[in-house]
Amino acid sequence: MLLLGIILFGMLIGAAAQLILGRHGRPVDWTMAIVAGLIGSFVGGLLISLLSGDGIALHASGIIGSLIGAILVTLAWTALRNRDARS
């Protein structure tokens, strides 16, 4: 059950990152949302939580770090996809 919760949280964070960056009339790419959310949550959320002294518990700093991490992963994924499309 915890694994399902983690996947759903990552998917929501990844979708929020796409909405913040703008979708330009396209629907949410759920594959990118899951990957960006999980990677961004792990790296960004864990890093910000540990730096702020909150530990691994769920706090606002971890959620904000997760969102920032997901935004960075989404930007990198989009840049790589656009670079491959131009080649």
C-alpha atoms as a PDB file:
ATOM      1  CA  MET A   1       0.000   0.000   0.000  1.00  0.00           C
ATOM      2  CA  LEU A   2       2.904   2.320   0.766  1.00  0.00           C
ATOM      3  CA  LEU A   3       4.389   1.699  -2.678  1.00  0.00           C
ATOM      4  CA  LEU A   4       1.097   2.655  -4.331  1.00  0.00           C
ATOM      5  CA  GLY A   5       1.001   5.841  -2.258  1.00  0.00           C
ATOM      6  CA  ILE A   6       4.551   6.735  -3.276  1.00  0.00           C
ATOM      7  CA  ILE A   7       3.755   6.196  -6.964  1.00  0.00           C
ATOM      8  CA  LEU A   8       0.580   8.289  -6.741  1.00  0.00           C
ATOM      9  CA  PHE A   9       2.410  11.078  -4.891  1.00  0.00           C
ATOM     10  CA  GLY A  10       5.149  11.069  -7.530  1.00  0.00           C
ATOM     11  CA  MET A  11       2.587  11.139 -10.316  1.00  0.00           C
ATOM     12  CA  LEU A  12       0.799  14.128  -8.779  1.00  0.00           C
ATOM     13  CA  ILE A  13       4.063  16.008  -8.226  1.00  0.00           C
ATOM     14  CA  GLY A  14       5.158  15.251 -11.814  1.00  0.00           C
ATOM     15  CA  ALA A  15       1.819  16.422 -13.218  1.00  0.00           C
ATOM     16  CA  ALA A  16       2.045  19.588 -11.114  1.00  0.00           C
ATOM     17  CA  ALA A  17       5.532  20.225 -12.526  1.00  0.00           C
ATOM     18  CA  GLN A  18       4.156  19.966 -16.073  1.00  0.00           C
ATOM     19  CA  LEU A  19       1.302  22.325 -15.219  1.00  0.00           C
ATOM     20  CA  ILE A  20       3.703  24.866 -13.718  1.00  0.00           C
ATOM     21  CA  LEU A  21       5.970  24.726 -16.777  1.00  0.00           C
ATOM     22  CA  GLY A  22       3.029  24.966 -19.178  1.00  0.00           C
ATOM     23  CA  ARG A  23       1.698  22.258 -21.445  1.00  0.00           C
ATOM     24  CA  HIS A  24       1.059  24.447 -24.513  1.00  0.00           C
ATOM     25  CA  GLY A  25      -2.297  22.842 -25.279  1.00  0.00           C
ATOM     26  CA  ARG A  26      -1.039  19.272 -24.864  1.00  0.00           C
ATOM     27  CA  PRO A  27      -2.407  16.839 -22.292  1.00  0.00           C
ATOM     28  CA  VAL A  28      -0.290  15.757 -19.337  1.00  0.00           C
ATOM     29  CA  ASP A  29       2.297  13.143 -20.313  1.00  0.00           C
ATOM     30  CA  TRP A  30       1.673  10.631 -17.526  1.00  0.00           C
ATOM     31  CA  THR A  31       4.814   8.617 -18.234  1.00  0.00           C
ATOM     32  CA  MET A  32       6.921  11.739 -17.812  1.00  0.00           C
ATOM     33  CA  ALA A  33       4.841  12.710 -14.767  1.00  0.00           C
ATOM     34  CA  ILE A  34       5.530   9.415 -12.992  1.00  0.00           C
ATOM     35  CA  VAL A  35       9.247   9.352 -13.812  1.00  0.00           C
ATOM     36  CA  ALA A  36       9.844  13.042 -13.075  1.00  0.00           C
ATOM     37  CA  GLY A  37       7.772  12.867  -9.920  1.00  0.00           C
ATOM     38  CA  LEU A  38       9.523   9.810  -8.514  1.00  0.00           C
ATOM     39  CA  ILE A  39      13.051  10.939  -9.389  1.00  0.00           C
ATOM     40  CA  GLY A  40      12.367  14.543  -8.398  1.00  0.00           C
ATOM     41  CA  SER A  41      10.732  13.498  -5.147  1.00  0.00           C
ATOM     42  CA  PHE A  42      13.558  11.215  -4.227  1.00  0.00           C
ATOM     43  CA  VAL A  43      16.410  13.565  -5.034  1.00  0.00           C
ATOM     44  CA  GLY A  44      14.846  16.967  -4.397  1.00  0.00           C
ATOM     45  CA  GLY A  45      12.595  16.027  -1.513  1.00  0.00           C
ATOM     46  CA  LEU A  46      15.202  14.019   0.336  1.00  0.00           C
ATOM     47  CA  LEU A  47      17.922  16.620  -0.196  1.00  0.00           C
ATOM     48  CA  ILE A  48      15.801  19.590   0.929  1.00  0.00           C
ATOM     49  CA  SER A  49      14.364  17.675   3.896  1.00  0.00           C
ATOM     50  CA  LEU A  50      17.803  16.676   5.123  1.00  0.00           C
ATOM     51  CA  LEU A  51      19.277  20.151   4.574  1.00  0.00           C
ATOM     52  CA  SER A  52      16.441  21.822   6.480  1.00  0.00           C
ATOM     53  CA  GLY A  53      16.857  19.392   9.382  1.00  0.00           C
ATOM     54  CA  ASP A  54      13.413  17.784   9.033  1.00  0.00           C
ATOM     55  CA  GLY A  55      14.810  14.301   8.511  1.00  0.00           C
ATOM     56  CA  ILE A  56      12.877  11.850   6.384  1.00  0.00           C
ATOM     57  CA  ALA A  57       9.458  12.758   7.819  1.00  0.00           C
ATOM     58  CA  LEU A  58       6.898  14.386   5.509  1.00  0.00           C
ATOM     59  CA  HIS A  59       7.062  18.164   5.876  1.00  0.00           C
ATOM     60  CA  ALA A  60       6.407  21.140   3.621  1.00  0.00           C
ATOM     61  CA  SER A  61      10.126  21.470   2.867  1.00  0.00           C
ATOM     62  CA  GLY A  62      10.172  17.955   1.410  1.00  0.00           C
ATOM     63  CA  ILE A  63       7.104  18.607  -0.729  1.00  0.00           C
ATOM     64  CA  ILE A  64       8.596  21.844  -2.069  1.00  0.00           C
ATOM     65  CA  GLY A  65      11.879  20.043  -2.745  1.00  0.00           C
ATOM     66  CA  SER A  66       9.980  17.279  -4.536  1.00  0.00           C
ATOM     67  CA  LEU A  67       8.259  19.810  -6.760  1.00  0.00           C
ATOM     68  CA  ILE A  68      11.507  21.619  -7.560  1.00  0.00           C
ATOM     69  CA  GLY A  69      13.213  18.308  -8.333  1.00  0.00           C
ATOM     70  CA  ALA A  70      10.327  17.244 -10.591  1.00  0.00           C
ATOM     71  CA  ILE A  71      10.457  20.575 -12.428  1.00  0.00           C
ATOM     72  CA  LEU A  72      14.191  20.126 -13.065  1.00  0.00           C
ATOM     73  CA  VAL A  73      13.715  16.537 -14.276  1.00  0.00           C
ATOM     74  CA  THR A  74      10.842  17.638 -16.550  1.00  0.00           C
ATOM     75  CA  LEU A  75      12.962  20.443 -18.016  1.00  0.00           C
ATOM     76  CA  ALA A  76      15.854  18.041 -18.666  1.00  0.00           C
ATOM     77  CA  TRP A  77      13.541  15.413 -20.209  1.00  0.00           C
ATOM     78  CA  THR A  78      11.919  18.014 -22.486  1.00  0.00           C
ATOM     79  CA  ALA A  79      15.305  19.419 -23.560  1.00  0.00           C
ATOM     80  CA  LEU A  80      16.605  15.932 -24.424  1.00  0.00           C
ATOM     81  CA  ARG A  81      13.430  15.072 -26.332  1.00  0.00           C
ATOM     82  CA  ASN A  82      13.590  18.328 -28.306  1.00  0.00           C
ATOM     83  CA  ARG A  83      17.295  17.812 -29.064  1.00  0.00           C
ATOM     84  CA  ASP A  84      16.610  14.300 -30.372  1.00  0.00           C
ATOM     85  CA  ALA A  85      13.701  15.555 -32.480  1.00  0.00           C
ATOM     86  CA  ARG A  86      15.926  18.138 -34.183  1.00  0.00           C
ATOM     87  CA  SER A  87      18.589  15.562 -35.095  1.00  0.00           C
END
